[in-house]
């Protein structure tokens, strides 16, 4: 796909703009040539948005849990990037608040960040995303769903731990993840947001080149020169390891369920959509590891 056509006169808003993905999306909008005056960063706490304000973008309070803040925040907005809430368990309610406010404010297009195969996976995180997708469908708003795979940062953020221990411990077997960097997912979301609405609507399965945990260990070894191996254990043993590290029972079982989803192939996709939206190959695993070492 060629670079998305930018609509300089359109107004864009990004929710969760002080979070990792939201902030990258604001930066991507500006790189795409959208004037800062047409970009609005929607944040829960405006006191934490000084860096965004310094970019010249508008900063508006928008708290998923306070519906009265949402419609005013969306006033005059034509295109909205709804970055999914980090609060597992409350997402459908929170996202529903935003969707209703977007409808009331006559927002013309919504892009939502979901998860791979949201409507057909056993992944523990999927039901809330699928529920949000259903709300979008029922709203009548034009929308696109960016079904993102895992973040590479889920792994590169633990690089020092892997290097110190010399191993990655998991229960995912030979399962593979189609992970990509947050920056690539943010860029793809902005490509959807700024493109032709008629072409962009629908569901986009997004992920980078798939790798297993053994392949991740090999890539870390290759990039750093320090030997790292993958040690696969049973789900029960993995849960015990997590508990031994101080994790509570429910969280340990939740994390183990994610490992089992990887083992079943639920975090893998062969869709070329991410590359098409980026107009280039996604950031490679080796490059992401190298960048994390800087």
C-alpha atoms as a PDB file:
ATOM      1  CA  UNK A   1       0.000   0.000   0.000  1.00  0.00           C
ATOM      2  CA  UNK A   2       1.322   3.431  -0.865  1.00  0.00           C
ATOM      3  CA  UNK A   3       1.621   6.094   1.804  1.00  0.00           C
ATOM      4  CA  UNK A   4      -1.793   7.060   3.119  1.00  0.00           C
ATOM      5  CA  UNK A   5      -3.159  10.372   1.825  1.00  0.00           C
ATOM      6  CA  UNK A   6      -3.039  12.963   4.574  1.00  0.00           C
ATOM      7  CA  UNK A   7      -6.018  15.237   5.014  1.00  0.00           C
ATOM      8  CA  UNK A   8      -4.456  18.431   6.435  1.00  0.00           C
ATOM      9  CA  UNK A   9      -7.817  20.030   7.187  1.00  0.00           C
ATOM     10  CA  UNK A  10      -9.210  17.053   9.104  1.00  0.00           C
ATOM     11  CA  UNK A  11      -9.085  17.005  12.890  1.00  0.00           C
ATOM     12  CA  UNK A  12      -7.580  13.972  14.593  1.00  0.00           C
ATOM     13  CA  UNK A  13      -7.676  12.794  18.200  1.00  0.00           C
ATOM     14  CA  UNK A  14      -5.748  10.059  19.971  1.00  0.00           C
ATOM     15  CA  UNK A  15      -6.922   8.628  23.283  1.00  0.00           C
ATOM     16  CA  UNK A  16      -4.430   7.499  25.909  1.00  0.00           C
ATOM     17  CA  UNK A  17      -1.948   9.907  24.366  1.00  0.00           C
ATOM     18  CA  UNK A  18       0.435   9.869  27.329  1.00  0.00           C
ATOM     19  CA  UNK A  19       0.724   6.073  27.086  1.00  0.00           C
ATOM     20  CA  UNK A  20       3.328   4.249  25.013  1.00  0.00           C
ATOM     21  CA  UNK A  21       1.222   3.570  21.915  1.00  0.00           C
ATOM     22  CA  UNK A  22      -0.824   6.759  22.051  1.00  0.00           C
ATOM     23  CA  UNK A  23       2.223   8.986  22.247  1.00  0.00           C
ATOM     24  CA  UNK A  24       3.831   7.203  19.305  1.00  0.00           C
ATOM     25  CA  UNK A  25       0.618   7.690  17.331  1.00  0.00           C
ATOM     26  CA  UNK A  26       0.647  11.437  17.992  1.00  0.00           C
ATOM     27  CA  UNK A  27       4.240  11.571  16.765  1.00  0.00           C
ATOM     28  CA  UNK A  28       3.295   9.545  13.676  1.00  0.00           C
ATOM     29  CA  UNK A  29       0.431  11.897  12.825  1.00  0.00           C
ATOM     30  CA  UNK A  30       2.832  14.835  12.885  1.00  0.00           C
ATOM     31  CA  UNK A  31       5.340  12.939  10.730  1.00  0.00           C
ATOM     32  CA  UNK A  32       2.554  12.238   8.246  1.00  0.00           C
ATOM     33  CA  UNK A  33       2.215  15.982   7.770  1.00  0.00           C
ATOM     34  CA  UNK A  34      -0.894  16.648   9.835  1.00  0.00           C
ATOM     35  CA  UNK A  35      -0.538  20.159  11.300  1.00  0.00           C
ATOM     36  CA  UNK A  36      -0.150  20.145  15.061  1.00  0.00           C
ATOM     37  CA  UNK A  37      -3.177  22.422  15.384  1.00  0.00           C
ATOM     38  CA  UNK A  38      -5.302  19.627  13.892  1.00  0.00           C
ATOM     39  CA  UNK A  39      -4.080  16.965  16.332  1.00  0.00           C
ATOM     40  CA  UNK A  40      -5.642  16.519  19.765  1.00  0.00           C
ATOM     41  CA  UNK A  41      -4.113  14.429  22.530  1.00  0.00           C
ATOM     42  CA  UNK A  42      -6.828  13.029  24.788  1.00  0.00           C
ATOM     43  CA  UNK A  43      -5.462  12.242  28.226  1.00  0.00           C
ATOM     44  CA  UNK A  44      -6.763  11.343  31.656  1.00  0.00           C
ATOM     45  CA  UNK A  45      -4.415  13.775  33.421  1.00  0.00           C
ATOM     46  CA  UNK A  46      -3.549  16.963  31.535  1.00  0.00           C
ATOM     47  CA  UNK A  47      -0.844  17.755  34.095  1.00  0.00           C
ATOM     48  CA  UNK A  48       1.165  14.862  32.638  1.00  0.00           C
ATOM     49  CA  UNK A  49       0.892  16.095  29.054  1.00  0.00           C
ATOM     50  CA  UNK A  50       3.400  18.950  29.021  1.00  0.00           C
ATOM     51  CA  UNK A  51       5.578  17.243  26.416  1.00  0.00           C
ATOM     52  CA  UNK A  52       2.574  16.842  24.141  1.00  0.00           C
ATOM     53  CA  UNK A  53       1.537  20.452  24.590  1.00  0.00           C
ATOM     54  CA  UNK A  54       5.090  21.484  23.686  1.00  0.00           C
ATOM     55  CA  UNK A  55       4.572  19.847  20.287  1.00  0.00           C
ATOM     56  CA  UNK A  56       1.776  22.316  19.600  1.00  0.00           C
ATOM     57  CA  UNK A  57      -1.017  19.747  19.656  1.00  0.00           C
ATOM     58  CA  UNK A  58      -4.229  20.320  21.565  1.00  0.00           C
ATOM     59  CA  UNK A  59      -4.477  18.597  24.934  1.00  0.00           C
ATOM     60  CA  UNK A  60      -7.926  17.673  26.257  1.00  0.00           C
ATOM     61  CA  UNK A  61      -9.032  15.798  29.335  1.00  0.00           C
ATOM     62  CA  UNK A  62     -10.697  12.494  28.450  1.00  0.00           C
ATOM     63  CA  UNK A  63     -11.149   9.897  31.166  1.00  0.00           C
ATOM     64  CA  UNK A  64     -12.636   6.563  30.056  1.00  0.00           C
ATOM     65  CA  UNK A  65     -14.234   6.220  33.498  1.00  0.00           C
ATOM     66  CA  UNK A  66     -15.802   9.705  33.474  1.00  0.00           C
ATOM     67  CA  UNK A  67     -18.216   9.896  30.530  1.00  0.00           C
ATOM     68  CA  UNK A  68     -18.880  13.582  31.172  1.00  0.00           C
ATOM     69  CA  UNK A  69     -15.304  14.350  30.000  1.00  0.00           C
ATOM     70  CA  UNK A  70     -15.570  12.459  26.729  1.00  0.00           C
ATOM     71  CA  UNK A  71     -18.070  14.277  24.543  1.00  0.00           C
ATOM     72  CA  UNK A  72     -16.453  17.687  25.183  1.00  0.00           C
ATOM     73  CA  UNK A  73     -13.061  16.143  24.399  1.00  0.00           C
ATOM     74  CA  UNK A  74     -14.378  14.894  21.056  1.00  0.00           C
ATOM     75  CA  UNK A  75     -16.072  18.109  20.010  1.00  0.00           C
ATOM     76  CA  UNK A  76     -15.024  18.972  16.470  1.00  0.00           C
ATOM     77  CA  UNK A  77     -13.023  15.756  16.019  1.00  0.00           C
ATOM     78  CA  UNK A  78     -13.458  14.046  12.651  1.00  0.00           C
ATOM     79  CA  UNK A  79     -11.146  11.035  13.071  1.00  0.00           C
ATOM     80  CA  UNK A  80     -10.435   9.233  16.332  1.00  0.00           C
ATOM     81  CA  UNK A  81      -7.826   6.671  17.304  1.00  0.00           C
ATOM     82  CA  UNK A  82      -9.276   4.761  20.260  1.00  0.00           C
ATOM     83  CA  UNK A  83      -6.302   3.156  21.983  1.00  0.00           C
ATOM     84  CA  UNK A  84      -7.522   0.279  24.121  1.00  0.00           C
ATOM     85  CA  UNK A  85      -7.552   0.794  27.863  1.00  0.00           C
ATOM     86  CA  UNK A  86      -4.846  -0.886  29.972  1.00  0.00           C
ATOM     87  CA  UNK A  87      -7.431  -1.776  32.627  1.00  0.00           C
ATOM     88  CA  UNK A  88      -8.229  -5.450  32.080  1.00  0.00           C
ATOM     89  CA  UNK A  89     -11.768  -6.226  33.228  1.00  0.00           C
ATOM     90  CA  UNK A  90     -13.215  -2.757  32.632  1.00  0.00           C
ATOM     91  CA  UNK A  91     -12.456  -2.313  28.958  1.00  0.00           C
ATOM     92  CA  UNK A  92     -15.872  -2.903  27.413  1.00  0.00           C
ATOM     93  CA  UNK A  93     -17.503  -0.366  29.719  1.00  0.00           C
ATOM     94  CA  UNK A  94     -14.708   2.158  29.228  1.00  0.00           C
ATOM     95  CA  UNK A  95     -14.574   1.774  25.477  1.00  0.00           C
ATOM     96  CA  UNK A  96     -18.359   1.896  25.284  1.00  0.00           C
ATOM     97  CA  UNK A  97     -18.235   5.285  26.991  1.00  0.00           C
ATOM     98  CA  UNK A  98     -15.868   6.569  24.304  1.00  0.00           C
ATOM     99  CA  UNK A  99     -17.866   5.082  21.432  1.00  0.00           C
ATOM    100  CA  UNK A 100     -21.126   6.635  22.656  1.00  0.00           C
ATOM    101  CA  UNK A 101     -19.398   9.982  23.075  1.00  0.00           C
ATOM    102  CA  UNK A 102     -17.919   9.713  19.575  1.00  0.00           C
ATOM    103  CA  UNK A 103     -21.358   9.038  18.162  1.00  0.00           C
ATOM    104  CA  UNK A 104     -22.861  11.976  20.048  1.00  0.00           C
ATOM    105  CA  UNK A 105     -20.028  14.253  18.873  1.00  0.00           C
ATOM    106  CA  UNK A 106     -20.499  13.186  15.223  1.00  0.00           C
ATOM    107  CA  UNK A 107     -16.987  11.773  14.867  1.00  0.00           C
ATOM    108  CA  UNK A 108     -16.683  10.560  11.289  1.00  0.00           C
ATOM    109  CA  UNK A 109     -14.276   7.626  11.665  1.00  0.00           C
ATOM    110  CA  UNK A 110     -12.903   5.534  14.535  1.00  0.00           C
ATOM    111  CA  UNK A 111      -9.820   3.301  14.512  1.00  0.00           C
ATOM    112  CA  UNK A 112      -9.660   0.903  17.470  1.00  0.00           C
ATOM    113  CA  UNK A 113      -6.621  -1.063  18.635  1.00  0.00           C
ATOM    114  CA  UNK A 114      -7.753  -4.629  19.283  1.00  0.00           C
ATOM    115  CA  UNK A 115      -5.913  -7.959  19.416  1.00  0.00           C
ATOM    116  CA  UNK A 116      -5.180 -10.654  16.843  1.00  0.00           C
ATOM    117  CA  UNK A 117      -8.106 -12.919  15.951  1.00  0.00           C
ATOM    118  CA  UNK A 118     -10.255 -11.227  18.596  1.00  0.00           C
ATOM    119  CA  UNK A 119     -13.448 -12.899  17.443  1.00  0.00           C
ATOM    120  CA  UNK A 120     -12.155 -16.469  17.195  1.00  0.00           C
ATOM    121  CA  UNK A 121      -9.446 -17.033  19.780  1.00  0.00           C
ATOM    122  CA  UNK A 122      -9.284 -18.477  23.277  1.00  0.00           C
ATOM    123  CA  UNK A 123      -6.791 -15.772  24.275  1.00  0.00           C
ATOM    124  CA  UNK A 124      -7.800 -14.502  27.713  1.00  0.00           C
ATOM    125  CA  UNK A 125      -7.533 -10.882  26.581  1.00  0.00           C
ATOM    126  CA  UNK A 126      -9.756 -11.328  23.540  1.00  0.00           C
ATOM    127  CA  UNK A 127     -13.339 -11.213  24.921  1.00  0.00           C
ATOM    128  CA  UNK A 128     -13.103  -7.550  25.955  1.00  0.00           C
ATOM    129  CA  UNK A 129     -11.698  -6.618  22.564  1.00  0.00           C
ATOM    130  CA  UNK A 130     -14.370  -8.633  20.759  1.00  0.00           C
ATOM    131  CA  UNK A 131     -16.988  -6.941  22.940  1.00  0.00           C
ATOM    132  CA  UNK A 132     -15.658  -3.533  21.943  1.00  0.00           C
ATOM    133  CA  UNK A 133     -15.682  -4.532  18.290  1.00  0.00           C
ATOM    134  CA  UNK A 134     -19.348  -5.487  18.702  1.00  0.00           C
ATOM    135  CA  UNK A 135     -20.085  -2.065  20.195  1.00  0.00           C
ATOM    136  CA  UNK A 136     -18.417  -0.362  17.245  1.00  0.00           C
ATOM    137  CA  UNK A 137     -20.392  -2.487  14.813  1.00  0.00           C
ATOM    138  CA  UNK A 138     -23.651  -1.630  16.587  1.00  0.00           C
ATOM    139  CA  UNK A 139     -22.838   2.091  16.802  1.00  0.00           C
ATOM    140  CA  UNK A 140     -23.210   2.759  13.100  1.00  0.00           C
ATOM    141  CA  UNK A 141     -19.949   4.729  13.109  1.00  0.00           C
ATOM    142  CA  UNK A 142     -17.515   4.108  10.259  1.00  0.00           C
ATOM    143  CA  UNK A 143     -14.615   2.219  11.830  1.00  0.00           C
ATOM    144  CA  UNK A 144     -11.478   0.185  11.319  1.00  0.00           C
ATOM    145  CA  UNK A 145     -10.097  -2.331  13.793  1.00  0.00           C
ATOM    146  CA  UNK A 146      -6.340  -2.737  14.075  1.00  0.00           C
ATOM    147  CA  UNK A 147      -6.018  -6.221  15.553  1.00  0.00           C
ATOM    148  CA  UNK A 148      -2.500  -5.949  16.893  1.00  0.00           C
ATOM    149  CA  UNK A 149      -0.299  -8.886  17.742  1.00  0.00           C
ATOM    150  CA  UNK A 150       2.069  -8.931  20.699  1.00  0.00           C
ATOM    151  CA  UNK A 151       4.494  -6.065  21.225  1.00  0.00           C
ATOM    152  CA  UNK A 152       8.141  -6.985  20.675  1.00  0.00           C
ATOM    153  CA  UNK A 153       8.728  -4.835  23.754  1.00  0.00           C
ATOM    154  CA  UNK A 154       7.038  -7.556  25.827  1.00  0.00           C
ATOM    155  CA  UNK A 155      10.322  -9.384  25.299  1.00  0.00           C
ATOM    156  CA  UNK A 156      12.954  -6.711  24.702  1.00  0.00           C
ATOM    157  CA  UNK A 157      11.792  -5.032  27.910  1.00  0.00           C
ATOM    158  CA  UNK A 158      13.058  -8.123  29.751  1.00  0.00           C
ATOM    159  CA  UNK A 159      16.329  -8.340  27.861  1.00  0.00           C
ATOM    160  CA  UNK A 160      18.552  -7.648  30.879  1.00  0.00           C
ATOM    161  CA  UNK A 161      16.786 -10.427  32.780  1.00  0.00           C
ATOM    162  CA  UNK A 162      17.261 -12.897  29.937  1.00  0.00           C
ATOM    163  CA  UNK A 163      20.931 -12.000  29.623  1.00  0.00           C
ATOM    164  CA  UNK A 164      21.557 -12.276  33.352  1.00  0.00           C
ATOM    165  CA  UNK A 165      19.841 -15.657  33.634  1.00  0.00           C
ATOM    166  CA  UNK A 166      21.026 -16.980  30.298  1.00  0.00           C
ATOM    167  CA  UNK A 167      17.591 -18.347  29.580  1.00  0.00           C
ATOM    168  CA  UNK A 168      13.984 -17.549  28.744  1.00  0.00           C
ATOM    169  CA  UNK A 169      11.537 -19.713  30.672  1.00  0.00           C
ATOM    170  CA  UNK A 170       8.057 -20.350  29.319  1.00  0.00           C
ATOM    171  CA  UNK A 171       5.335 -22.837  28.538  1.00  0.00           C
ATOM    172  CA  UNK A 172       4.650 -21.940  24.908  1.00  0.00           C
ATOM    173  CA  UNK A 173       6.446 -24.889  23.319  1.00  0.00           C
ATOM    174  CA  UNK A 174       7.123 -24.296  19.640  1.00  0.00           C
ATOM    175  CA  UNK A 175       4.338 -21.737  19.382  1.00  0.00           C
ATOM    176  CA  UNK A 176       5.180 -18.580  17.490  1.00  0.00           C
ATOM    177  CA  UNK A 177       4.207 -14.945  17.965  1.00  0.00           C
ATOM    178  CA  UNK A 178       3.767 -12.409  15.175  1.00  0.00           C
ATOM    179  CA  UNK A 179       5.092  -9.555  17.248  1.00  0.00           C
ATOM    180  CA  UNK A 180       5.978  -6.054  16.092  1.00  0.00           C
ATOM    181  CA  UNK A 181       7.234  -2.896  17.739  1.00  0.00           C
ATOM    182  CA  UNK A 182       4.848  -0.386  19.275  1.00  0.00           C
ATOM    183  CA  UNK A 183       6.169   2.177  16.806  1.00  0.00           C
ATOM    184  CA  UNK A 184       5.179  -0.023  13.864  1.00  0.00           C
ATOM    185  CA  UNK A 185       1.680  -0.593  15.263  1.00  0.00           C
ATOM    186  CA  UNK A 186       1.293   3.142  15.903  1.00  0.00           C
ATOM    187  CA  UNK A 187       2.391   3.925  12.367  1.00  0.00           C
ATOM    188  CA  UNK A 188      -0.080   1.387  10.985  1.00  0.00           C
ATOM    189  CA  UNK A 189      -2.924   2.841  13.055  1.00  0.00           C
ATOM    190  CA  UNK A 190      -2.138   6.308  11.727  1.00  0.00           C
ATOM    191  CA  UNK A 191      -2.039   4.944   8.182  1.00  0.00           C
ATOM    192  CA  UNK A 192      -5.574   3.667   8.744  1.00  0.00           C
ATOM    193  CA  UNK A 193      -6.644   6.902  10.421  1.00  0.00           C
ATOM    194  CA  UNK A 194      -5.410   9.182   7.662  1.00  0.00           C
ATOM    195  CA  UNK A 195      -6.379   7.052   4.667  1.00  0.00           C
ATOM    196  CA  UNK A 196      -9.506   6.863   2.556  1.00  0.00           C
ATOM    197  CA  UNK A 197     -12.294   5.766   4.895  1.00  0.00           C
ATOM    198  CA  UNK A 198     -13.979   3.616   2.258  1.00  0.00           C
ATOM    199  CA  UNK A 199     -10.747   1.633   1.804  1.00  0.00           C
ATOM    200  CA  UNK A 200      -9.753   1.418   5.451  1.00  0.00           C
ATOM    201  CA  UNK A 201     -12.948   0.197   7.093  1.00  0.00           C
ATOM    202  CA  UNK A 202     -13.003  -3.338   8.439  1.00  0.00           C
ATOM    203  CA  UNK A 203     -10.733  -5.629  10.420  1.00  0.00           C
ATOM    204  CA  UNK A 204      -6.965  -5.687   9.964  1.00  0.00           C
ATOM    205  CA  UNK A 205      -4.913  -8.571  11.399  1.00  0.00           C
ATOM    206  CA  UNK A 206      -1.525  -7.026  12.161  1.00  0.00           C
ATOM    207  CA  UNK A 207       1.732  -8.701  13.137  1.00  0.00           C
ATOM    208  CA  UNK A 208       5.379  -8.894  12.212  1.00  0.00           C
ATOM    209  CA  UNK A 209       7.390 -11.937  11.137  1.00  0.00           C
ATOM    210  CA  UNK A 210       6.574 -14.771  13.547  1.00  0.00           C
ATOM    211  CA  UNK A 211       9.145 -16.256  15.914  1.00  0.00           C
ATOM    212  CA  UNK A 212       9.166 -18.932  18.606  1.00  0.00           C
ATOM    213  CA  UNK A 213      10.755 -18.421  21.989  1.00  0.00           C
ATOM    214  CA  UNK A 214      13.676 -20.593  20.875  1.00  0.00           C
ATOM    215  CA  UNK A 215      14.128 -18.303  17.882  1.00  0.00           C
ATOM    216  CA  UNK A 216      13.933 -15.299  20.195  1.00  0.00           C
ATOM    217  CA  UNK A 217      16.684 -16.778  22.343  1.00  0.00           C
ATOM    218  CA  UNK A 218      18.801 -17.397  19.234  1.00  0.00           C
ATOM    219  CA  UNK A 219      18.258 -13.806  18.060  1.00  0.00           C
ATOM    220  CA  UNK A 220      19.312 -12.445  21.456  1.00  0.00           C
ATOM    221  CA  UNK A 221      22.413 -14.645  21.381  1.00  0.00           C
ATOM    222  CA  UNK A 222      23.263 -13.497  17.856  1.00  0.00           C
ATOM    223  CA  UNK A 223      22.744  -9.822  18.607  1.00  0.00           C
ATOM    224  CA  UNK A 224      24.387  -9.561  22.027  1.00  0.00           C
ATOM    225  CA  UNK A 225      27.033 -12.261  21.916  1.00  0.00           C
ATOM    226  CA  UNK A 226      25.700 -13.662  25.190  1.00  0.00           C
ATOM    227  CA  UNK A 227      24.316 -17.195  25.089  1.00  0.00           C
ATOM    228  CA  UNK A 228      20.594 -17.332  25.870  1.00  0.00           C
ATOM    229  CA  UNK A 229      18.458 -20.479  25.538  1.00  0.00           C
ATOM    230  CA  UNK A 230      14.763 -21.169  25.816  1.00  0.00           C
ATOM    231  CA  UNK A 231      13.662 -23.586  28.549  1.00  0.00           C
ATOM    232  CA  UNK A 232      10.164 -24.929  28.049  1.00  0.00           C
ATOM    233  CA  UNK A 233       8.318 -26.181  31.120  1.00  0.00           C
ATOM    234  CA  UNK A 234       4.858 -27.554  31.808  1.00  0.00           C
ATOM    235  CA  UNK A 235       2.019 -25.087  32.464  1.00  0.00           C
ATOM    236  CA  UNK A 236       1.846 -26.140  36.131  1.00  0.00           C
ATOM    237  CA  UNK A 237       5.582 -25.704  36.578  1.00  0.00           C
ATOM    238  CA  UNK A 238       5.451 -22.313  34.880  1.00  0.00           C
ATOM    239  CA  UNK A 239       2.656 -21.193  37.214  1.00  0.00           C
ATOM    240  CA  UNK A 240       4.722 -22.369  40.190  1.00  0.00           C
ATOM    241  CA  UNK A 241       7.744 -20.416  38.923  1.00  0.00           C
ATOM    242  CA  UNK A 242       5.655 -17.253  38.639  1.00  0.00           C
ATOM    243  CA  UNK A 243       4.250 -17.739  42.140  1.00  0.00           C
ATOM    244  CA  UNK A 244       7.748 -18.298  43.457  1.00  0.00           C
ATOM    245  CA  UNK A 245       8.749 -14.963  41.931  1.00  0.00           C
ATOM    246  CA  UNK A 246       6.061 -13.232  43.983  1.00  0.00           C
ATOM    247  CA  UNK A 247       3.134 -13.236  41.580  1.00  0.00           C
ATOM    248  CA  UNK A 248      -0.309 -13.846  43.075  1.00  0.00           C
ATOM    249  CA  UNK A 249      -2.223 -16.988  42.101  1.00  0.00           C
ATOM    250  CA  UNK A 250      -4.749 -15.375  39.745  1.00  0.00           C
ATOM    251  CA  UNK A 251      -2.133 -13.353  37.887  1.00  0.00           C
ATOM    252  CA  UNK A 252       0.174 -16.346  37.587  1.00  0.00           C
ATOM    253  CA  UNK A 253      -2.598 -18.438  36.056  1.00  0.00           C
ATOM    254  CA  UNK A 254      -3.528 -15.578  33.724  1.00  0.00           C
ATOM    255  CA  UNK A 255       0.055 -15.259  32.469  1.00  0.00           C
ATOM    256  CA  UNK A 256       0.237 -19.023  32.026  1.00  0.00           C
ATOM    257  CA  UNK A 257      -2.931 -18.901  29.933  1.00  0.00           C
ATOM    258  CA  UNK A 258      -1.177 -16.440  27.618  1.00  0.00           C
ATOM    259  CA  UNK A 259       1.674 -18.909  27.178  1.00  0.00           C
ATOM    260  CA  UNK A 260      -0.836 -21.596  26.238  1.00  0.00           C
ATOM    261  CA  UNK A 261      -2.417 -19.264  23.678  1.00  0.00           C
ATOM    262  CA  UNK A 262       0.989 -18.858  22.081  1.00  0.00           C
ATOM    263  CA  UNK A 263       1.416 -22.642  22.061  1.00  0.00           C
ATOM    264  CA  UNK A 264      -1.919 -22.961  20.223  1.00  0.00           C
ATOM    265  CA  UNK A 265      -0.824 -20.437  17.584  1.00  0.00           C
ATOM    266  CA  UNK A 266      -3.315 -17.782  18.606  1.00  0.00           C
ATOM    267  CA  UNK A 267      -0.746 -14.966  18.506  1.00  0.00           C
ATOM    268  CA  UNK A 268       0.467 -15.798  14.996  1.00  0.00           C
ATOM    269  CA  UNK A 269      -0.725 -14.452  11.658  1.00  0.00           C
ATOM    270  CA  UNK A 270       0.499 -14.648   8.082  1.00  0.00           C
ATOM    271  CA  UNK A 271      -1.442 -11.532   7.113  1.00  0.00           C
ATOM    272  CA  UNK A 272       0.618  -8.988   5.119  1.00  0.00           C
ATOM    273  CA  UNK A 273      -1.556  -6.130   6.407  1.00  0.00           C
ATOM    274  CA  UNK A 274       1.066  -4.571   8.683  1.00  0.00           C
ATOM    275  CA  UNK A 275       3.658  -4.407   5.932  1.00  0.00           C
ATOM    276  CA  UNK A 276       1.059  -3.051   3.516  1.00  0.00           C
ATOM    277  CA  UNK A 277      -0.002  -0.292   5.903  1.00  0.00           C
ATOM    278  CA  UNK A 278       3.598   0.621   6.695  1.00  0.00           C
ATOM    279  CA  UNK A 279       4.684   0.558   3.063  1.00  0.00           C
ATOM    280  CA  UNK A 280       7.816  -1.287   4.207  1.00  0.00           C
ATOM    281  CA  UNK A 281       8.852  -4.383   6.096  1.00  0.00           C
ATOM    282  CA  UNK A 282       8.127  -4.275   9.834  1.00  0.00           C
ATOM    283  CA  UNK A 283      11.109  -3.727  12.129  1.00  0.00           C
ATOM    284  CA  UNK A 284      13.012  -6.995  12.382  1.00  0.00           C
ATOM    285  CA  UNK A 285      13.410  -8.844  15.664  1.00  0.00           C
ATOM    286  CA  UNK A 286      17.191  -8.432  15.536  1.00  0.00           C
ATOM    287  CA  UNK A 287      16.875  -4.679  14.940  1.00  0.00           C
ATOM    288  CA  UNK A 288      14.409  -4.380  17.831  1.00  0.00           C
ATOM    289  CA  UNK A 289      16.788  -6.241  20.138  1.00  0.00           C
ATOM    290  CA  UNK A 290      19.673  -4.056  18.974  1.00  0.00           C
ATOM    291  CA  UNK A 291      17.662  -0.889  19.610  1.00  0.00           C
ATOM    292  CA  UNK A 292      16.755  -2.083  23.109  1.00  0.00           C
ATOM    293  CA  UNK A 293      20.446  -2.398  23.921  1.00  0.00           C
ATOM    294  CA  UNK A 294      21.196   1.266  23.124  1.00  0.00           C
END
